[in-house]
């Protein structure tokens, strides 16, 4: 994987092709990348719900309140990430060290998922704005919904936007 090239060309997609739904085999590959991500004590404290077709439309609608995420209506697929309990050793470590490792574990899994999707020619957008109660009812779960990944093929007219990132000097202190 050419990480520099991938990070320069990867962006959060805001213009999905509504008629090109990724097939199950491709979505399985991105989920496999997430499954293989490291996690505290191999706890893997997450579960992924894959929504396509009518369910995707319902998930997209649950992300669109107050004028947010208007593009989600055209997205053909979503992966909803819900938090799951730790395994015993991660739970003990979290309590002893006063750390919640689940957020980091979910971030690692989603990062690997997004980069694998990019390798396969898919586009993604990680969404944190959603109606959790609506999603819990749709998914028939009471687990905390943490993130939603819009996933599909970008429309041909979805131009790359300039990335705005802090400089390395602003983010790093060498000791």
C-alpha atoms as a PDB file:
ATOM      1  CA  UNK A   1       0.000   0.000   0.000  1.00  0.00           C
ATOM      2  CA  UNK A   2       1.376   3.426  -0.958  1.00  0.00           C
ATOM      3  CA  UNK A   3       0.293   5.273   2.185  1.00  0.00           C
ATOM      4  CA  UNK A   4       1.384   8.738   1.008  1.00  0.00           C
ATOM      5  CA  UNK A   5      -0.496   8.420  -2.279  1.00  0.00           C
ATOM      6  CA  UNK A   6      -3.551   6.988  -0.534  1.00  0.00           C
ATOM      7  CA  UNK A   7      -3.729   9.779   2.038  1.00  0.00           C
ATOM      8  CA  UNK A   8      -3.295  12.425  -0.642  1.00  0.00           C
ATOM      9  CA  UNK A   9      -6.142  11.051  -2.766  1.00  0.00           C
ATOM     10  CA  UNK A  10      -8.517   9.833  -0.045  1.00  0.00           C
ATOM     11  CA  UNK A  11     -11.284  12.164   0.935  1.00  0.00           C
ATOM     12  CA  UNK A  12     -14.650  12.022   2.572  1.00  0.00           C
ATOM     13  CA  UNK A  13     -17.071  11.563  -0.308  1.00  0.00           C
ATOM     14  CA  UNK A  14     -20.051  13.910  -0.573  1.00  0.00           C
ATOM     15  CA  UNK A  15     -21.323  12.748  -3.958  1.00  0.00           C
ATOM     16  CA  UNK A  16     -22.153   9.042  -4.148  1.00  0.00           C
ATOM     17  CA  UNK A  17     -23.419   7.313  -7.276  1.00  0.00           C
ATOM     18  CA  UNK A  18     -26.905   6.267  -6.104  1.00  0.00           C
ATOM     19  CA  UNK A  19     -27.252   3.414  -8.618  1.00  0.00           C
ATOM     20  CA  UNK A  20     -23.927   1.631  -7.998  1.00  0.00           C
ATOM     21  CA  UNK A  21     -24.245  -0.362  -4.796  1.00  0.00           C
ATOM     22  CA  UNK A  22     -21.090  -2.180  -3.688  1.00  0.00           C
ATOM     23  CA  UNK A  23     -21.701  -5.910  -3.791  1.00  0.00           C
ATOM     24  CA  UNK A  24     -21.541  -8.185  -0.766  1.00  0.00           C
ATOM     25  CA  UNK A  25     -18.117  -9.586  -1.736  1.00  0.00           C
ATOM     26  CA  UNK A  26     -16.525  -6.119  -1.793  1.00  0.00           C
ATOM     27  CA  UNK A  27     -18.213  -5.074   1.449  1.00  0.00           C
ATOM     28  CA  UNK A  28     -17.003  -8.308   3.039  1.00  0.00           C
ATOM     29  CA  UNK A  29     -13.426  -7.373   2.134  1.00  0.00           C
ATOM     30  CA  UNK A  30     -13.678  -3.997   3.890  1.00  0.00           C
ATOM     31  CA  UNK A  31     -15.294  -5.631   6.927  1.00  0.00           C
ATOM     32  CA  UNK A  32     -12.513  -8.214   7.016  1.00  0.00           C
ATOM     33  CA  UNK A  33      -9.970  -5.372   7.207  1.00  0.00           C
ATOM     34  CA  UNK A  34     -11.852  -3.959  10.205  1.00  0.00           C
ATOM     35  CA  UNK A  35     -12.040  -7.403  11.826  1.00  0.00           C
ATOM     36  CA  UNK A  36      -8.264  -7.742  11.649  1.00  0.00           C
ATOM     37  CA  UNK A  37      -7.580  -4.386  13.345  1.00  0.00           C
ATOM     38  CA  UNK A  38      -5.765  -4.482  16.682  1.00  0.00           C
ATOM     39  CA  UNK A  39      -7.813  -3.955  19.836  1.00  0.00           C
ATOM     40  CA  UNK A  40      -7.102  -3.882  23.560  1.00  0.00           C
ATOM     41  CA  UNK A  41      -6.747  -7.473  24.790  1.00  0.00           C
ATOM     42  CA  UNK A  42      -8.199  -8.560  21.419  1.00  0.00           C
ATOM     43  CA  UNK A  43     -11.566  -7.477  22.800  1.00  0.00           C
ATOM     44  CA  UNK A  44     -13.002  -6.223  19.481  1.00  0.00           C
ATOM     45  CA  UNK A  45     -15.718  -4.240  21.312  1.00  0.00           C
ATOM     46  CA  UNK A  46     -17.804  -3.433  18.260  1.00  0.00           C
ATOM     47  CA  UNK A  47     -20.383  -4.848  15.899  1.00  0.00           C
ATOM     48  CA  UNK A  48     -21.037  -3.786  12.301  1.00  0.00           C
ATOM     49  CA  UNK A  49     -24.482  -3.550  10.710  1.00  0.00           C
ATOM     50  CA  UNK A  50     -24.470  -3.358   6.903  1.00  0.00           C
ATOM     51  CA  UNK A  51     -27.377  -1.491   5.355  1.00  0.00           C
ATOM     52  CA  UNK A  52     -28.200  -1.594   1.640  1.00  0.00           C
ATOM     53  CA  UNK A  53     -31.314  -0.900  -0.422  1.00  0.00           C
ATOM     54  CA  UNK A  54     -34.324   0.257   1.646  1.00  0.00           C
ATOM     55  CA  UNK A  55     -32.457  -0.092   4.917  1.00  0.00           C
ATOM     56  CA  UNK A  56     -29.701   2.152   3.551  1.00  0.00           C
ATOM     57  CA  UNK A  57     -32.296   4.808   2.756  1.00  0.00           C
ATOM     58  CA  UNK A  58     -33.596   4.603   6.339  1.00  0.00           C
ATOM     59  CA  UNK A  59     -30.069   4.859   7.791  1.00  0.00           C
ATOM     60  CA  UNK A  60     -29.284   7.799   5.504  1.00  0.00           C
ATOM     61  CA  UNK A  61     -32.461   9.567   6.609  1.00  0.00           C
ATOM     62  CA  UNK A  62     -31.422   9.113  10.255  1.00  0.00           C
ATOM     63  CA  UNK A  63     -28.276  11.171   9.546  1.00  0.00           C
ATOM     64  CA  UNK A  64     -30.011  14.142   7.921  1.00  0.00           C
ATOM     65  CA  UNK A  65     -31.570  16.257  10.678  1.00  0.00           C
ATOM     66  CA  UNK A  66     -31.038  20.031  10.801  1.00  0.00           C
ATOM     67  CA  UNK A  67     -29.771  20.102   7.216  1.00  0.00           C
ATOM     68  CA  UNK A  68     -26.762  17.873   7.901  1.00  0.00           C
ATOM     69  CA  UNK A  69     -25.455  15.159   5.564  1.00  0.00           C
ATOM     70  CA  UNK A  70     -27.746  15.981   2.636  1.00  0.00           C
ATOM     71  CA  UNK A  71     -25.599  13.759   0.400  1.00  0.00           C
ATOM     72  CA  UNK A  72     -26.502  10.683   2.501  1.00  0.00           C
ATOM     73  CA  UNK A  73     -29.779  10.342   0.617  1.00  0.00           C
ATOM     74  CA  UNK A  74     -27.822   9.220  -2.458  1.00  0.00           C
ATOM     75  CA  UNK A  75     -25.496   6.839  -0.652  1.00  0.00           C
ATOM     76  CA  UNK A  76     -26.281   3.215  -1.575  1.00  0.00           C
ATOM     77  CA  UNK A  77     -24.795   1.553   1.514  1.00  0.00           C
ATOM     78  CA  UNK A  78     -23.889   2.265   5.125  1.00  0.00           C
ATOM     79  CA  UNK A  79     -21.966   0.434   7.812  1.00  0.00           C
ATOM     80  CA  UNK A  80     -23.274   1.259  11.276  1.00  0.00           C
ATOM     81  CA  UNK A  81     -20.752   0.720  14.072  1.00  0.00           C
ATOM     82  CA  UNK A  82     -22.133  -0.059  17.510  1.00  0.00           C
ATOM     83  CA  UNK A  83     -20.183  -0.437  20.710  1.00  0.00           C
ATOM     84  CA  UNK A  84     -20.062  -3.810  22.428  1.00  0.00           C
ATOM     85  CA  UNK A  85     -18.809  -4.767  25.904  1.00  0.00           C
ATOM     86  CA  UNK A  86     -15.151  -5.477  26.569  1.00  0.00           C
ATOM     87  CA  UNK A  87     -13.894  -8.968  27.172  1.00  0.00           C
ATOM     88  CA  UNK A  88     -12.915  -9.650  30.794  1.00  0.00           C
ATOM     89  CA  UNK A  89      -9.211  -8.713  30.546  1.00  0.00           C
ATOM     90  CA  UNK A  90      -9.884  -5.453  28.673  1.00  0.00           C
ATOM     91  CA  UNK A  91     -12.598  -4.551  31.191  1.00  0.00           C
ATOM     92  CA  UNK A  92     -10.189  -5.068  34.095  1.00  0.00           C
ATOM     93  CA  UNK A  93      -7.458  -3.065  32.358  1.00  0.00           C
ATOM     94  CA  UNK A  94      -9.871  -0.237  31.550  1.00  0.00           C
ATOM     95  CA  UNK A  95     -10.992  -0.039  35.162  1.00  0.00           C
ATOM     96  CA  UNK A  96      -7.479  -0.250  36.651  1.00  0.00           C
ATOM     97  CA  UNK A  97      -6.049   2.348  34.253  1.00  0.00           C
ATOM     98  CA  UNK A  98      -9.162   4.556  34.085  1.00  0.00           C
ATOM     99  CA  UNK A  99      -9.184   4.313  30.280  1.00  0.00           C
ATOM    100  CA  UNK A 100     -11.972   3.546  27.846  1.00  0.00           C
ATOM    101  CA  UNK A 101     -10.185   1.553  25.162  1.00  0.00           C
ATOM    102  CA  UNK A 102     -13.339   1.021  23.095  1.00  0.00           C
ATOM    103  CA  UNK A 103     -13.129   4.412  21.378  1.00  0.00           C
ATOM    104  CA  UNK A 104      -9.566   3.726  20.243  1.00  0.00           C
ATOM    105  CA  UNK A 105     -10.464   0.183  19.191  1.00  0.00           C
ATOM    106  CA  UNK A 106     -13.406   1.426  17.116  1.00  0.00           C
ATOM    107  CA  UNK A 107     -11.211   4.116  15.565  1.00  0.00           C
ATOM    108  CA  UNK A 108      -8.567   1.580  14.558  1.00  0.00           C
ATOM    109  CA  UNK A 109     -11.125  -0.767  13.015  1.00  0.00           C
ATOM    110  CA  UNK A 110     -12.866   2.032  11.107  1.00  0.00           C
ATOM    111  CA  UNK A 111      -9.558   3.434   9.872  1.00  0.00           C
ATOM    112  CA  UNK A 112      -8.554   0.061   8.433  1.00  0.00           C
ATOM    113  CA  UNK A 113     -12.015  -0.367   6.918  1.00  0.00           C
ATOM    114  CA  UNK A 114     -11.859   3.039   5.217  1.00  0.00           C
ATOM    115  CA  UNK A 115      -8.394   2.511   3.761  1.00  0.00           C
ATOM    116  CA  UNK A 116      -9.332  -0.955   2.465  1.00  0.00           C
ATOM    117  CA  UNK A 117     -12.442   0.522   0.861  1.00  0.00           C
ATOM    118  CA  UNK A 118     -10.250   3.095  -0.875  1.00  0.00           C
ATOM    119  CA  UNK A 119      -7.913   0.353  -2.140  1.00  0.00           C
ATOM    120  CA  UNK A 120     -10.946  -1.366  -3.670  1.00  0.00           C
ATOM    121  CA  UNK A 121     -12.122   1.777  -5.477  1.00  0.00           C
ATOM    122  CA  UNK A 122     -14.864   2.691  -3.005  1.00  0.00           C
ATOM    123  CA  UNK A 123     -15.444   6.049  -1.387  1.00  0.00           C
ATOM    124  CA  UNK A 124     -16.470   6.640   2.209  1.00  0.00           C
ATOM    125  CA  UNK A 125     -17.564   9.299   4.651  1.00  0.00           C
ATOM    126  CA  UNK A 126     -17.497   8.755   8.413  1.00  0.00           C
ATOM    127  CA  UNK A 127     -20.586  10.255  10.019  1.00  0.00           C
ATOM    128  CA  UNK A 128     -21.037  11.176  13.659  1.00  0.00           C
ATOM    129  CA  UNK A 129     -24.281  13.142  13.243  1.00  0.00           C
ATOM    130  CA  UNK A 130     -27.277  10.823  13.523  1.00  0.00           C
ATOM    131  CA  UNK A 131     -30.447  10.044  15.438  1.00  0.00           C
ATOM    132  CA  UNK A 132     -29.298   7.239  17.703  1.00  0.00           C
ATOM    133  CA  UNK A 133     -32.780   6.221  18.924  1.00  0.00           C
ATOM    134  CA  UNK A 134     -34.051   5.862  15.345  1.00  0.00           C
ATOM    135  CA  UNK A 135     -31.035   3.757  14.411  1.00  0.00           C
ATOM    136  CA  UNK A 136     -31.332   1.558  17.496  1.00  0.00           C
ATOM    137  CA  UNK A 137     -34.972   0.849  16.608  1.00  0.00           C
ATOM    138  CA  UNK A 138     -34.068   0.148  12.969  1.00  0.00           C
ATOM    139  CA  UNK A 139     -31.252  -2.225  13.993  1.00  0.00           C
ATOM    140  CA  UNK A 140     -33.243  -3.773  16.843  1.00  0.00           C
ATOM    141  CA  UNK A 141     -30.480  -3.082  19.363  1.00  0.00           C
ATOM    142  CA  UNK A 142     -29.987  -0.981  22.447  1.00  0.00           C
ATOM    143  CA  UNK A 143     -26.207  -0.830  21.929  1.00  0.00           C
ATOM    144  CA  UNK A 144     -24.611   2.613  21.597  1.00  0.00           C
ATOM    145  CA  UNK A 145     -24.262   3.665  17.974  1.00  0.00           C
ATOM    146  CA  UNK A 146     -20.800   5.217  17.648  1.00  0.00           C
ATOM    147  CA  UNK A 147     -20.243   5.898  13.953  1.00  0.00           C
ATOM    148  CA  UNK A 148     -21.815   5.421  10.564  1.00  0.00           C
ATOM    149  CA  UNK A 149     -19.733   4.914   7.447  1.00  0.00           C
ATOM    150  CA  UNK A 150     -21.345   5.956   4.204  1.00  0.00           C
ATOM    151  CA  UNK A 151     -19.812   3.704   1.556  1.00  0.00           C
ATOM    152  CA  UNK A 152     -20.210   3.419  -2.181  1.00  0.00           C
ATOM    153  CA  UNK A 153     -18.773   4.594  -5.474  1.00  0.00           C
ATOM    154  CA  UNK A 154     -18.194   8.304  -5.953  1.00  0.00           C
ATOM    155  CA  UNK A 155     -19.980  10.018  -8.799  1.00  0.00           C
ATOM    156  CA  UNK A 156     -17.639  10.923 -11.642  1.00  0.00           C
ATOM    157  CA  UNK A 157     -18.116  14.642 -10.889  1.00  0.00           C
ATOM    158  CA  UNK A 158     -16.985  14.318  -7.247  1.00  0.00           C
ATOM    159  CA  UNK A 159     -13.829  16.442  -7.459  1.00  0.00           C
ATOM    160  CA  UNK A 160     -11.041  16.088  -4.900  1.00  0.00           C
ATOM    161  CA  UNK A 161     -11.042  18.917  -2.400  1.00  0.00           C
ATOM    162  CA  UNK A 162      -7.853  20.350  -0.939  1.00  0.00           C
ATOM    163  CA  UNK A 163      -7.069  18.736   2.403  1.00  0.00           C
ATOM    164  CA  UNK A 164      -6.736  21.178   5.273  1.00  0.00           C
ATOM    165  CA  UNK A 165      -4.477  19.699   7.911  1.00  0.00           C
ATOM    166  CA  UNK A 166      -2.360  21.129  10.696  1.00  0.00           C
ATOM    167  CA  UNK A 167       1.365  21.109  10.048  1.00  0.00           C
ATOM    168  CA  UNK A 168       3.485  18.380  11.580  1.00  0.00           C
ATOM    169  CA  UNK A 169       5.100  21.022  13.790  1.00  0.00           C
ATOM    170  CA  UNK A 170       1.703  21.861  15.294  1.00  0.00           C
ATOM    171  CA  UNK A 171       0.959  18.222  16.053  1.00  0.00           C
ATOM    172  CA  UNK A 172       4.303  16.821  17.223  1.00  0.00           C
ATOM    173  CA  UNK A 173       6.628  17.587  20.109  1.00  0.00           C
ATOM    174  CA  UNK A 174       9.990  15.834  20.020  1.00  0.00           C
ATOM    175  CA  UNK A 175      11.437  15.122  23.468  1.00  0.00           C
END
